[in-house]
Amino acid sequence: MMDFSTIKKLFGITEPNGFAENEIKIVKDIFEDLPKVFIDYYTELGKIQNLNHTQDLLIIPERFQYYKNDDYLIFYSES
């Protein structure tokens, strides 16, 4: 698991609050190979609203089918 301690400290995060394996599987089914850091981040910090849903939005697993791109893994939506 990647070390997200700096992010946790900056945002006062004390407990993991991420997506479950079956939720991340939705993304794996669309894109197949995913970077380890992507999986670790979504598992550890993916559901933390004050970190991931401020001005820009971390894309939640159920919405990845709308952001599919053959060349890029789009995981953040700007404004």
N, C-alpha and C. Protein backbone atom coordinates (compact mmCIF):
# COMPACT_ATOMS: atom_id res chain seq x y z
N MET A 1 0.85 -1.18 0.00
CA MET A 1 0.00 0.00 0.00
C MET A 1 0.89 1.24 0.00
N MET A 2 0.53 2.18 -0.84
CA MET A 2 1.27 3.44 -0.91
C MET A 2 1.13 4.20 0.41
N ASP A 3 2.10 5.04 0.70
CA ASP A 3 2.08 5.84 1.92
C ASP A 3 1.44 7.20 1.63
N PHE A 4 0.26 7.40 2.15
CA PHE A 4 -0.46 8.66 1.97
C PHE A 4 -0.45 9.49 3.26
N SER A 5 0.53 9.26 4.12
CA SER A 5 0.56 9.92 5.43
C SER A 5 0.63 11.45 5.33
N THR A 6 1.33 11.97 4.33
CA THR A 6 1.42 13.43 4.18
C THR A 6 0.05 14.01 3.85
N ILE A 7 -0.67 13.38 2.93
CA ILE A 7 -2.02 13.84 2.58
C ILE A 7 -2.93 13.75 3.80
N LYS A 8 -2.85 12.64 4.52
CA LYS A 8 -3.69 12.45 5.71
C LYS A 8 -3.41 13.53 6.75
N LYS A 9 -2.15 13.83 6.94
CA LYS A 9 -1.78 14.85 7.92
C LYS A 9 -2.31 16.23 7.50
N LEU A 10 -2.12 16.59 6.24
CA LEU A 10 -2.58 17.89 5.75
C LEU A 10 -4.09 18.07 5.87
N PHE A 11 -4.84 17.00 5.68
CA PHE A 11 -6.30 17.09 5.70
C PHE A 11 -6.92 16.57 7.00
N GLY A 12 -6.09 16.22 7.97
CA GLY A 12 -6.59 15.76 9.26
C GLY A 12 -7.36 14.46 9.16
N ILE A 13 -6.94 13.58 8.29
CA ILE A 13 -7.60 12.30 8.08
C ILE A 13 -7.01 11.26 9.03
N THR A 14 -7.86 10.67 9.84
CA THR A 14 -7.37 9.70 10.81
C THR A 14 -7.79 8.27 10.48
N GLU A 15 -8.85 8.10 9.71
CA GLU A 15 -9.34 6.78 9.36
C GLU A 15 -9.42 6.62 7.85
N PRO A 16 -9.10 5.44 7.33
CA PRO A 16 -9.28 5.20 5.90
C PRO A 16 -10.76 5.29 5.53
N ASN A 17 -11.05 5.82 4.39
CA ASN A 17 -12.42 5.90 3.91
C ASN A 17 -12.37 5.83 2.38
N GLY A 18 -12.27 4.61 1.90
CA GLY A 18 -12.12 4.42 0.46
C GLY A 18 -13.18 3.50 -0.10
N PHE A 19 -13.04 3.25 -1.38
CA PHE A 19 -13.96 2.38 -2.07
C PHE A 19 -13.61 0.92 -1.81
N ALA A 20 -14.64 0.09 -1.77
CA ALA A 20 -14.45 -1.34 -1.55
C ALA A 20 -13.93 -2.01 -2.82
N GLU A 21 -13.40 -3.20 -2.66
CA GLU A 21 -12.83 -3.93 -3.79
C GLU A 21 -13.86 -4.13 -4.91
N ASN A 22 -15.11 -4.42 -4.56
CA ASN A 22 -16.12 -4.62 -5.60
C ASN A 22 -16.44 -3.32 -6.33
N GLU A 23 -16.28 -2.17 -5.68
CA GLU A 23 -16.48 -0.89 -6.36
C GLU A 23 -15.32 -0.60 -7.32
N ILE A 24 -14.12 -0.90 -6.90
CA ILE A 24 -12.95 -0.69 -7.76
C ILE A 24 -12.96 -1.67 -8.93
N LYS A 25 -13.56 -2.84 -8.74
CA LYS A 25 -13.67 -3.82 -9.82
C LYS A 25 -14.44 -3.24 -11.00
N ILE A 26 -15.37 -2.35 -10.76
CA ILE A 26 -16.11 -1.69 -11.84
C ILE A 26 -15.13 -0.99 -12.78
N VAL A 27 -14.15 -0.31 -12.20
CA VAL A 27 -13.15 0.42 -13.00
C VAL A 27 -12.22 -0.59 -13.68
N LYS A 28 -11.81 -1.62 -12.97
CA LYS A 28 -10.94 -2.65 -13.55
C LYS A 28 -11.62 -3.32 -14.74
N ASP A 29 -12.92 -3.53 -14.65
CA ASP A 29 -13.64 -4.16 -15.76
C ASP A 29 -13.64 -3.29 -17.01
N ILE A 30 -13.57 -1.99 -16.85
CA ILE A 30 -13.55 -1.06 -17.98
C ILE A 30 -12.15 -0.91 -18.55
N PHE A 31 -11.15 -0.73 -17.67
CA PHE A 31 -9.80 -0.39 -18.11
C PHE A 31 -8.79 -1.52 -17.99
N GLU A 32 -9.15 -2.60 -17.32
CA GLU A 32 -8.29 -3.76 -17.10
C GLU A 32 -7.12 -3.43 -16.19
N ASP A 33 -5.98 -3.05 -16.74
CA ASP A 33 -4.80 -2.77 -15.92
C ASP A 33 -4.88 -1.36 -15.35
N LEU A 34 -4.74 -1.25 -14.05
CA LEU A 34 -4.75 0.04 -13.37
C LEU A 34 -3.46 0.21 -12.59
N PRO A 35 -2.93 1.43 -12.52
CA PRO A 35 -1.73 1.65 -11.71
C PRO A 35 -2.00 1.33 -10.23
N LYS A 36 -1.02 0.75 -9.58
CA LYS A 36 -1.15 0.40 -8.16
C LYS A 36 -1.51 1.61 -7.32
N VAL A 37 -0.90 2.75 -7.59
CA VAL A 37 -1.17 3.96 -6.80
C VAL A 37 -2.64 4.38 -6.96
N PHE A 38 -3.21 4.18 -8.13
CA PHE A 38 -4.62 4.47 -8.35
C PHE A 38 -5.49 3.61 -7.43
N ILE A 39 -5.24 2.31 -7.45
CA ILE A 39 -6.02 1.38 -6.62
C ILE A 39 -5.83 1.71 -5.14
N ASP A 40 -4.60 1.93 -4.72
CA ASP A 40 -4.32 2.25 -3.32
C ASP A 40 -5.03 3.54 -2.90
N TYR A 41 -4.98 4.57 -3.73
CA TYR A 41 -5.61 5.85 -3.39
C TYR A 41 -7.12 5.69 -3.27
N TYR A 42 -7.72 5.05 -4.25
CA TYR A 42 -9.17 4.86 -4.21
C TYR A 42 -9.58 4.01 -3.01
N THR A 43 -8.77 3.02 -2.66
CA THR A 43 -9.07 2.15 -1.51
C THR A 43 -8.91 2.88 -0.18
N GLU A 44 -7.92 3.72 -0.08
CA GLU A 44 -7.60 4.39 1.19
C GLU A 44 -8.32 5.73 1.36
N LEU A 45 -8.41 6.53 0.30
CA LEU A 45 -8.88 7.91 0.44
C LEU A 45 -10.03 8.29 -0.50
N GLY A 46 -10.49 7.38 -1.31
CA GLY A 46 -11.42 7.69 -2.38
C GLY A 46 -12.75 8.33 -1.98
N LYS A 47 -13.25 8.04 -0.79
CA LYS A 47 -14.57 8.54 -0.39
C LYS A 47 -14.51 9.77 0.54
N ILE A 48 -13.35 10.34 0.72
CA ILE A 48 -13.22 11.48 1.62
C ILE A 48 -13.62 12.75 0.87
N GLN A 49 -14.78 13.26 1.20
CA GLN A 49 -15.38 14.38 0.48
C GLN A 49 -14.52 15.64 0.51
N ASN A 50 -14.03 16.05 1.67
CA ASN A 50 -13.28 17.31 1.74
C ASN A 50 -11.92 17.24 1.05
N LEU A 51 -11.51 16.06 0.64
CA LEU A 51 -10.28 15.89 -0.12
C LEU A 51 -10.55 15.76 -1.62
N ASN A 52 -11.59 15.04 -1.97
CA ASN A 52 -11.82 14.65 -3.36
C ASN A 52 -12.98 15.35 -4.07
N HIS A 53 -13.74 16.13 -3.34
CA HIS A 53 -14.92 16.76 -3.95
C HIS A 53 -15.03 18.21 -3.52
N THR A 54 -14.02 18.97 -3.86
CA THR A 54 -14.06 20.40 -3.57
C THR A 54 -14.41 21.10 -4.88
N GLN A 55 -13.54 21.87 -5.44
CA GLN A 55 -13.81 22.51 -6.73
C GLN A 55 -13.81 21.47 -7.85
N ASP A 56 -12.84 20.57 -7.84
CA ASP A 56 -12.74 19.51 -8.83
C ASP A 56 -13.18 18.20 -8.17
N LEU A 57 -13.52 17.21 -8.99
CA LEU A 57 -14.11 15.99 -8.44
C LEU A 57 -13.36 14.74 -8.84
N LEU A 58 -13.07 13.90 -7.85
CA LEU A 58 -12.55 12.58 -8.13
C LEU A 58 -13.71 11.77 -8.70
N ILE A 59 -13.50 11.14 -9.82
CA ILE A 59 -14.57 10.37 -10.46
C ILE A 59 -14.81 9.10 -9.66
N ILE A 60 -16.07 8.87 -9.31
CA ILE A 60 -16.43 7.68 -8.55
C ILE A 60 -16.56 6.49 -9.51
N PRO A 61 -16.31 5.28 -9.02
CA PRO A 61 -16.29 4.11 -9.91
C PRO A 61 -17.51 3.96 -10.81
N GLU A 62 -18.70 4.24 -10.30
CA GLU A 62 -19.91 4.05 -11.09
C GLU A 62 -19.97 4.97 -12.32
N ARG A 63 -19.17 6.01 -12.36
CA ARG A 63 -19.23 6.98 -13.45
C ARG A 63 -18.10 6.85 -14.48
N PHE A 64 -17.22 5.89 -14.29
CA PHE A 64 -16.08 5.76 -15.19
C PHE A 64 -16.46 5.45 -16.64
N GLN A 65 -17.58 4.81 -16.86
CA GLN A 65 -17.96 4.50 -18.23
C GLN A 65 -18.17 5.78 -19.05
N TYR A 66 -18.46 6.89 -18.40
CA TYR A 66 -18.65 8.17 -19.10
C TYR A 66 -17.33 8.88 -19.42
N TYR A 67 -16.25 8.41 -18.82
CA TYR A 67 -14.94 9.06 -18.98
C TYR A 67 -13.93 8.17 -19.70
N LYS A 68 -14.40 7.11 -20.31
CA LYS A 68 -13.48 6.18 -20.99
C LYS A 68 -12.79 6.86 -22.16
N ASN A 69 -11.49 6.67 -22.22
CA ASN A 69 -10.66 7.21 -23.29
C ASN A 69 -9.62 6.15 -23.62
N ASP A 70 -9.37 5.93 -24.89
CA ASP A 70 -8.42 4.88 -25.28
C ASP A 70 -6.97 5.20 -24.93
N ASP A 71 -6.65 6.47 -24.78
CA ASP A 71 -5.26 6.87 -24.54
C ASP A 71 -4.95 7.26 -23.10
N TYR A 72 -5.99 7.62 -22.33
CA TYR A 72 -5.77 8.17 -20.99
C TYR A 72 -6.75 7.57 -19.99
N LEU A 73 -6.30 7.48 -18.76
CA LEU A 73 -7.19 7.14 -17.66
C LEU A 73 -7.60 8.46 -17.00
N ILE A 74 -8.79 8.89 -17.27
CA ILE A 74 -9.29 10.14 -16.70
C ILE A 74 -9.95 9.79 -15.37
N PHE A 75 -9.42 10.34 -14.27
CA PHE A 75 -9.97 10.01 -12.96
C PHE A 75 -10.36 11.25 -12.15
N TYR A 76 -10.19 12.43 -12.71
CA TYR A 76 -10.57 13.67 -12.04
C TYR A 76 -11.30 14.54 -13.04
N SER A 77 -12.36 15.17 -12.59
CA SER A 77 -13.13 16.06 -13.44
C SER A 77 -12.95 17.48 -12.94
N GLU A 78 -12.48 18.35 -13.82
CA GLU A 78 -12.23 19.73 -13.43
C GLU A 78 -13.52 20.55 -13.49
N SER A 79 -13.81 21.21 -12.40
CA SER A 79 -14.97 22.10 -12.26
C SER A 79 -16.18 21.54 -12.94
